[in-house]
Amino acid sequence: KTPEYPEGRSIVVIANDITTKIGSFGPQEDLLFFKASQYARSQGIPRIYMSANSGARIGLAEEAKKNFKIQWNDPTDVTKGFEYFYLTPQDYDQLNASDKKSVNAHKIEVDGEERYVIDDIIGREVETEPVKGPCDPRTHEEDLQFKAQ
């Protein structure tokens, strides 16, 4: 309750939790987030987003999960987050040796070491899971437009 809304008001709450699929967004969760955000904007009501997650849904592609490495922002303090996930050339070749690729990655060199930075984890049993971010860009674009009005 507030002075503007003494009887209270409706809100839309969107939440994800680390106890369910490590709190990550896949295509279904992304669509739900997008639709709930659209609904809140169309109704002119606040949208609250609460999140406890790990980022990309790596658990779905077990063959990739066993092989990826992490480039930490600060290797002595992992709470400062990571820069990217990567594979060694050997692991990259092994994961993509079959008819169905498991990862899309681009090659970089760090201190003379070849690395394949993971762009997408496809998995042999799942569809593409982007590693770049949890939400559809349309959602963020519309959020920015909504805030600017």
Foldseek 3Di string as FASTA:
>chain_A
DDPVCPVDDDEAEAEFDCVPLQQAAFPVSQVVLQVSLVVCLVVVHYYHYYYDGDAWSPVVAVLVVVFKDFAAPDVVDNVNDTDFIKGAPVSLCVQQVDPDHQFDFDWDADPNGIITTTQWGQHPPHGTTGRPGGHDVVSVVVVVVSVVD
